[in-house]
Amino acid sequence: MKQLNNVRVDPDRKLVYVQGGARFEAINRETHKFGLACVSAVSDKVGIGGFVLGGGFGYLSGKQ
């Protein structure tokens, strides 16, 4: 999954398109460029694949 790590932000729709191998460090870097944030893991080293399969909670988890 490591090579499937593309992150694309649609700032007009406030959506982020993320491949399964992306880590939150890349997701946060791209979303912050547009003043956006996402519900994410506490550590930037966590991958989106493991997180969405129940791998943890982050600071914004209760804000969904």
PDB file of N, CA and C in Angstrom:
ATOM      1  N   MET A   1       0.812  -1.191   0.000  1.00  0.00           N
ATOM      2  CA  MET A   1       0.000   0.000   0.000  1.00  0.00           C
ATOM      3  C   MET A   1       0.861   1.262   0.000  1.00  0.00           C
ATOM      4  N   LYS A   2       2.104   1.149   0.385  1.00  0.00           N
ATOM      5  CA  LYS A   2       2.962   2.319   0.534  1.00  0.00           C
ATOM      6  C   LYS A   2       3.045   3.172  -0.732  1.00  0.00           C
ATOM      7  N   GLN A   3       2.965   2.549  -1.883  1.00  0.00           N
ATOM      8  CA  GLN A   3       3.084   3.299  -3.133  1.00  0.00           C
ATOM      9  C   GLN A   3       1.764   3.934  -3.571  1.00  0.00           C
ATOM     10  N   LEU A   4       0.662   3.537  -2.968  1.00  0.00           N
ATOM     11  CA  LEU A   4      -0.643   4.140  -3.266  1.00  0.00           C
ATOM     12  C   LEU A   4      -0.865   5.277  -2.282  1.00  0.00           C
ATOM     13  N   ASN A   5      -0.181   6.407  -2.478  1.00  0.00           N
ATOM     14  CA  ASN A   5      -0.169   7.447  -1.460  1.00  0.00           C
ATOM     15  C   ASN A   5      -0.572   8.833  -1.970  1.00  0.00           C
ATOM     16  N   ASN A   6      -1.305   8.884  -3.070  1.00  0.00           N
ATOM     17  CA  ASN A   6      -1.700  10.174  -3.631  1.00  0.00           C
ATOM     18  C   ASN A   6      -2.756  10.855  -2.754  1.00  0.00           C
ATOM     19  N   VAL A   7      -2.594  12.168  -2.571  1.00  0.00           N
ATOM     20  CA  VAL A   7      -3.547  12.987  -1.815  1.00  0.00           C
ATOM     21  C   VAL A   7      -3.918  14.177  -2.687  1.00  0.00           C
ATOM     22  N   ARG A   8      -5.221  14.369  -2.901  1.00  0.00           N
ATOM     23  CA  ARG A   8      -5.682  15.505  -3.711  1.00  0.00           C
ATOM     24  C   ARG A   8      -6.801  16.212  -2.968  1.00  0.00           C
ATOM     25  N   VAL A   9      -6.730  17.538  -2.890  1.00  0.00           N
ATOM     26  CA  VAL A   9      -7.725  18.336  -2.182  1.00  0.00           C
ATOM     27  C   VAL A   9      -8.569  19.106  -3.194  1.00  0.00           C
ATOM     28  N   ASP A  10      -9.892  19.050  -3.017  1.00  0.00           N
ATOM     29  CA  ASP A  10     -10.819  19.885  -3.790  1.00  0.00           C
ATOM     30  C   ASP A  10     -11.299  20.966  -2.831  1.00  0.00           C
ATOM     31  N   PRO A  11     -10.642  22.133  -2.818  1.00  0.00           N
ATOM     32  CA  PRO A  11     -10.974  23.164  -1.829  1.00  0.00           C
ATOM     33  C   PRO A  11     -12.373  23.750  -1.999  1.00  0.00           C
ATOM     34  N   ASP A  12     -12.899  23.745  -3.214  1.00  0.00           N
ATOM     35  CA  ASP A  12     -14.245  24.281  -3.430  1.00  0.00           C
ATOM     36  C   ASP A  12     -15.310  23.412  -2.773  1.00  0.00           C
ATOM     37  N   ARG A  13     -15.131  22.106  -2.853  1.00  0.00           N
ATOM     38  CA  ARG A  13     -16.096  21.174  -2.249  1.00  0.00           C
ATOM     39  C   ARG A  13     -15.686  20.753  -0.843  1.00  0.00           C
ATOM     40  N   LYS A  14     -14.484  21.173  -0.427  1.00  0.00           N
ATOM     41  CA  LYS A  14     -13.928  20.811   0.879  1.00  0.00           C
ATOM     42  C   LYS A  14     -13.855  19.294   1.048  1.00  0.00           C
ATOM     43  N   LEU A  15     -13.325  18.652   0.010  1.00  0.00           N
ATOM     44  CA  LEU A  15     -13.147  17.199   0.003  1.00  0.00           C
ATOM     45  C   LEU A  15     -11.687  16.865  -0.220  1.00  0.00           C
ATOM     46  N   VAL A  16     -11.274  15.735   0.339  1.00  0.00           N
ATOM     47  CA  VAL A  16      -9.923  15.241   0.149  1.00  0.00           C
ATOM     48  C   VAL A  16     -10.025  13.832  -0.426  1.00  0.00           C
ATOM     49  N   TYR A  17      -9.314  13.595  -1.497  1.00  0.00           N
ATOM     50  CA  TYR A  17      -9.269  12.285  -2.122  1.00  0.00           C
ATOM     51  C   TYR A  17      -7.922  11.657  -1.774  1.00  0.00           C
ATOM     52  N   VAL A  18      -7.967  10.490  -1.131  1.00  0.00           N
ATOM     53  CA  VAL A  18      -6.765   9.890  -0.573  1.00  0.00           C
ATOM     54  C   VAL A  18      -6.677   8.422  -0.979  1.00  0.00           C
ATOM     55  N   GLN A  19      -5.518   8.004  -1.448  1.00  0.00           N
ATOM     56  CA  GLN A  19      -5.299   6.590  -1.711  1.00  0.00           C
ATOM     57  C   GLN A  19      -4.958   5.872  -0.403  1.00  0.00           C
ATOM     58  N   GLY A  20      -5.183   4.583  -0.378  1.00  0.00           N
ATOM     59  CA  GLY A  20      -5.077   3.776   0.837  1.00  0.00           C
ATOM     60  C   GLY A  20      -3.736   3.734   1.531  1.00  0.00           C
ATOM     61  N   GLY A  21      -2.653   4.044   0.853  1.00  0.00           N
ATOM     62  CA  GLY A  21      -1.334   3.986   1.477  1.00  0.00           C
ATOM     63  C   GLY A  21      -0.829   5.318   1.998  1.00  0.00           C
ATOM     64  N   ALA A  22      -1.625   6.367   1.863  1.00  0.00           N
ATOM     65  CA  ALA A  22      -1.186   7.699   2.307  1.00  0.00           C
ATOM     66  C   ALA A  22      -1.106   7.766   3.830  1.00  0.00           C
ATOM     67  N   ARG A  23      -0.132   8.508   4.307  1.00  0.00           N
ATOM     68  CA  ARG A  23      -0.007   8.747   5.752  1.00  0.00           C
ATOM     69  C   ARG A  23      -0.557  10.122   6.072  1.00  0.00           C
ATOM     70  N   PHE A  24      -0.931  10.300   7.322  1.00  0.00           N
ATOM     71  CA  PHE A  24      -1.541  11.556   7.724  1.00  0.00           C
ATOM     72  C   PHE A  24      -0.600  12.748   7.629  1.00  0.00           C
ATOM     73  N   GLU A  25       0.698  12.524   7.604  1.00  0.00           N
ATOM     74  CA  GLU A  25       1.614  13.652   7.420  1.00  0.00           C
ATOM     75  C   GLU A  25       1.377  14.296   6.057  1.00  0.00           C
ATOM     76  N   ALA A  26       1.137  13.494   5.023  1.00  0.00           N
ATOM     77  CA  ALA A  26       0.857  14.021   3.687  1.00  0.00           C
ATOM     78  C   ALA A  26      -0.542  14.618   3.611  1.00  0.00           C
ATOM     79  N   ILE A  27      -1.498  13.957   4.235  1.00  0.00           N
ATOM     80  CA  ILE A  27      -2.879  14.455   4.224  1.00  0.00           C
ATOM     81  C   ILE A  27      -2.955  15.807   4.930  1.00  0.00           C
ATOM     82  N   ASN A  28      -2.350  15.898   6.100  1.00  0.00           N
ATOM     83  CA  ASN A  28      -2.367  17.160   6.852  1.00  0.00           C
ATOM     84  C   ASN A  28      -1.630  18.272   6.107  1.00  0.00           C
ATOM     85  N   ARG A  29      -0.515  17.943   5.491  1.00  0.00           N
ATOM     86  CA  ARG A  29       0.242  18.935   4.738  1.00  0.00           C
ATOM     87  C   ARG A  29      -0.610  19.523   3.606  1.00  0.00           C
ATOM     88  N   GLU A  30      -1.320  18.677   2.877  1.00  0.00           N
ATOM     89  CA  GLU A  30      -2.127  19.141   1.748  1.00  0.00           C
ATOM     90  C   GLU A  30      -3.391  19.879   2.202  1.00  0.00           C
ATOM     91  N   THR A  31      -4.062  19.397   3.227  1.00  0.00           N
ATOM     92  CA  THR A  31      -5.295  20.060   3.679  1.00  0.00           C
ATOM     93  C   THR A  31      -5.000  21.414   4.313  1.00  0.00           C
ATOM     94  N   HIS A  32      -3.883  21.520   5.019  1.00  0.00           N
ATOM     95  CA  HIS A  32      -3.543  22.789   5.681  1.00  0.00           C
ATOM     96  C   HIS A  32      -3.265  23.905   4.682  1.00  0.00           C
ATOM     97  N   LYS A  33      -2.853  23.554   3.476  1.00  0.00           N
ATOM     98  CA  LYS A  33      -2.627  24.565   2.441  1.00  0.00           C
ATOM     99  C   LYS A  33      -3.903  25.347   2.128  1.00  0.00           C
ATOM    100  N   PHE A  34      -5.057  24.706   2.382  1.00  0.00           N
ATOM    101  CA  PHE A  34      -6.348  25.316   2.072  1.00  0.00           C
ATOM    102  C   PHE A  34      -7.132  25.681   3.332  1.00  0.00           C
ATOM    103  N   GLY A  35      -6.473  25.643   4.478  1.00  0.00           N
ATOM    104  CA  GLY A  35      -7.136  25.977   5.733  1.00  0.00           C
ATOM    105  C   GLY A  35      -8.120  24.915   6.179  1.00  0.00           C
ATOM    106  N   LEU A  36      -7.917  23.673   5.762  1.00  0.00           N
ATOM    107  CA  LEU A  36      -8.807  22.575   6.113  1.00  0.00           C
ATOM    108  C   LEU A  36      -8.120  21.628   7.086  1.00  0.00           C
ATOM    109  N   ALA A  37      -8.915  20.862   7.781  1.00  0.00           N
ATOM    110  CA  ALA A  37      -8.404  19.834   8.683  1.00  0.00           C
ATOM    111  C   ALA A  37      -9.284  18.603   8.526  1.00  0.00           C
ATOM    112  N   CYS A  38      -8.758  17.465   8.904  1.00  0.00           N
ATOM    113  CA  CYS A  38      -9.554  16.240   8.813  1.00  0.00           C
ATOM    114  C   CYS A  38      -9.473  15.481  10.131  1.00  0.00           C
ATOM    115  N   VAL A  39     -10.457  14.616  10.323  1.00  0.00           N
ATOM    116  CA  VAL A  39     -10.419  13.725  11.479  1.00  0.00           C
ATOM    117  C   VAL A  39      -9.291  12.752  11.197  1.00  0.00           C
ATOM    118  N   SER A  40      -8.282  12.786  12.036  1.00  0.00           N
ATOM    119  CA  SER A  40      -7.107  11.971  11.751  1.00  0.00           C
ATOM    120  C   SER A  40      -6.525  11.378  13.017  1.00  0.00           C
ATOM    121  N   ALA A  41      -5.536  10.557  12.817  1.00  0.00           N
ATOM    122  CA  ALA A  41      -4.830   9.943  13.931  1.00  0.00           C
ATOM    123  C   ALA A  41      -3.991  10.997  14.653  1.00  0.00           C
ATOM    124  N   VAL A  42      -3.613  10.707  15.869  1.00  0.00           N
ATOM    125  CA  VAL A  42      -2.794  11.623  16.654  1.00  0.00           C
ATOM    126  C   VAL A  42      -1.390  11.720  16.061  1.00  0.00           C
ATOM    127  N   SER A  43      -0.859  10.611  15.577  1.00  0.00           N
ATOM    128  CA  SER A  43       0.478  10.591  14.987  1.00  0.00           C
ATOM    129  C   SER A  43       0.389  10.755  13.475  1.00  0.00           C
ATOM    130  N   ASP A  44       1.233  11.617  12.913  1.00  0.00           N
ATOM    131  CA  ASP A  44       1.275  11.810  11.462  1.00  0.00           C
ATOM    132  C   ASP A  44       1.819  10.604  10.717  1.00  0.00           C
ATOM    133  N   LYS A  45       2.442   9.665  11.406  1.00  0.00           N
ATOM    134  CA  LYS A  45       3.048   8.496  10.766  1.00  0.00           C
ATOM    135  C   LYS A  45       2.037   7.388  10.486  1.00  0.00           C
ATOM    136  N   VAL A  46       0.809   7.536  10.978  1.00  0.00           N
ATOM    137  CA  VAL A  46      -0.236   6.534  10.786  1.00  0.00           C
ATOM    138  C   VAL A  46      -0.768   6.636   9.363  1.00  0.00           C
ATOM    139  N   GLY A  47      -1.036   5.493   8.745  1.00  0.00           N
ATOM    140  CA  GLY A  47      -1.603   5.463   7.410  1.00  0.00           C
ATOM    141  C   GLY A  47      -3.116   5.493   7.444  1.00  0.00           C
ATOM    142  N   ILE A  48      -3.710   6.029   6.395  1.00  0.00           N
ATOM    143  CA  ILE A  48      -5.166   6.121   6.307  1.00  0.00           C
ATOM    144  C   ILE A  48      -5.819   4.745   6.274  1.00  0.00           C
ATOM    145  N   GLY A  49      -5.170   3.774   5.621  1.00  0.00           N
ATOM    146  CA  GLY A  49      -5.747   2.436   5.524  1.00  0.00           C
ATOM    147  C   GLY A  49      -6.011   1.809   6.885  1.00  0.00           C
ATOM    148  N   GLY A  50      -5.027   1.812   7.749  1.00  0.00           N
ATOM    149  CA  GLY A  50      -5.192   1.250   9.093  1.00  0.00           C
ATOM    150  C   GLY A  50      -6.131   2.057   9.958  1.00  0.00           C
ATOM    151  N   PHE A  51      -6.103   3.360   9.803  1.00  0.00           N
ATOM    152  CA  PHE A  51      -6.951   4.229  10.619  1.00  0.00           C
ATOM    153  C   PHE A  51      -8.434   3.996  10.343  1.00  0.00           C
ATOM    154  N   VAL A  52      -8.808   3.936   9.072  1.00  0.00           N
ATOM    155  CA  VAL A  52     -10.228   3.778   8.755  1.00  0.00           C
ATOM    156  C   VAL A  52     -10.733   2.375   9.041  1.00  0.00           C
ATOM    157  N   LEU A  53      -9.837   1.426   9.196  1.00  0.00           N
ATOM    158  CA  LEU A  53     -10.244   0.077   9.565  1.00  0.00           C
ATOM    159  C   LEU A  53     -10.337  -0.100  11.075  1.00  0.00           C
ATOM    160  N   GLY A  54     -10.338   0.997  11.817  1.00  0.00           N
ATOM    161  CA  GLY A  54     -10.508   0.929  13.263  1.00  0.00           C
ATOM    162  C   GLY A  54      -9.223   1.029  14.036  1.00  0.00           C
ATOM    163  N   GLY A  55      -8.182   1.608  13.438  1.00  0.00           N
ATOM    164  CA  GLY A  55      -6.879   1.660  14.071  1.00  0.00           C
ATOM    165  C   GLY A  55      -6.669   2.768  15.066  1.00  0.00           C
ATOM    166  N   GLY A  56      -7.691   3.568  15.389  1.00  0.00           N
ATOM    167  CA  GLY A  56      -7.477   4.598  16.389  1.00  0.00           C
ATOM    168  C   GLY A  56      -8.384   5.798  16.266  1.00  0.00           C
ATOM    169  N   PHE A  57      -8.160   6.719  17.174  1.00  0.00           N
ATOM    170  CA  PHE A  57      -8.937   7.947  17.230  1.00  0.00           C
ATOM    171  C   PHE A  57      -7.969   9.117  17.294  1.00  0.00           C
ATOM    172  N   GLY A  58      -8.407  10.247  16.796  1.00  0.00           N
ATOM    173  CA  GLY A  58      -7.579  11.445  16.833  1.00  0.00           C
ATOM    174  C   GLY A  58      -8.256  12.559  17.602  1.00  0.00           C
ATOM    175  N   TYR A  59      -7.632  13.718  17.600  1.00  0.00           N
ATOM    176  CA  TYR A  59      -8.122  14.860  18.353  1.00  0.00           C
ATOM    177  C   TYR A  59      -9.496  15.347  17.875  1.00  0.00           C
ATOM    178  N   LEU A  60      -9.789  15.210  16.591  1.00  0.00           N
ATOM    179  CA  LEU A  60     -11.062  15.696  16.052  1.00  0.00           C
ATOM    180  C   LEU A  60     -12.116  14.609  15.907  1.00  0.00           C
ATOM    181  N   SER A  61     -11.868  13.415  16.406  1.00  0.00           N
ATOM    182  CA  SER A  61     -12.793  12.290  16.226  1.00  0.00           C
ATOM    183  C   SER A  61     -14.202  12.608  16.716  1.00  0.00           C
ATOM    184  N   GLY A  62     -14.346  13.304  17.800  1.00  0.00           N
ATOM    185  CA  GLY A  62     -15.666  13.634  18.331  1.00  0.00           C
ATOM    186  C   GLY A  62     -16.347  14.757  17.605  1.00  0.00           C
ATOM    187  N   LYS A  63     -15.697  15.401  16.649  1.00  0.00           N
ATOM    188  CA  LYS A  63     -16.217  16.562  15.930  1.00  0.00           C
ATOM    189  C   LYS A  63     -16.835  16.202  14.585  1.00  0.00           C
ATOM    190  N   GLN A  64     -16.955  14.921  14.266  1.00  0.00           N
ATOM    191  CA  GLN A  64     -17.454  14.500  12.951  1.00  0.00           C
ATOM    192  C   GLN A  64     -18.871  14.941  12.724  1.00  0.00           C
TER     193      GLN A  64
END
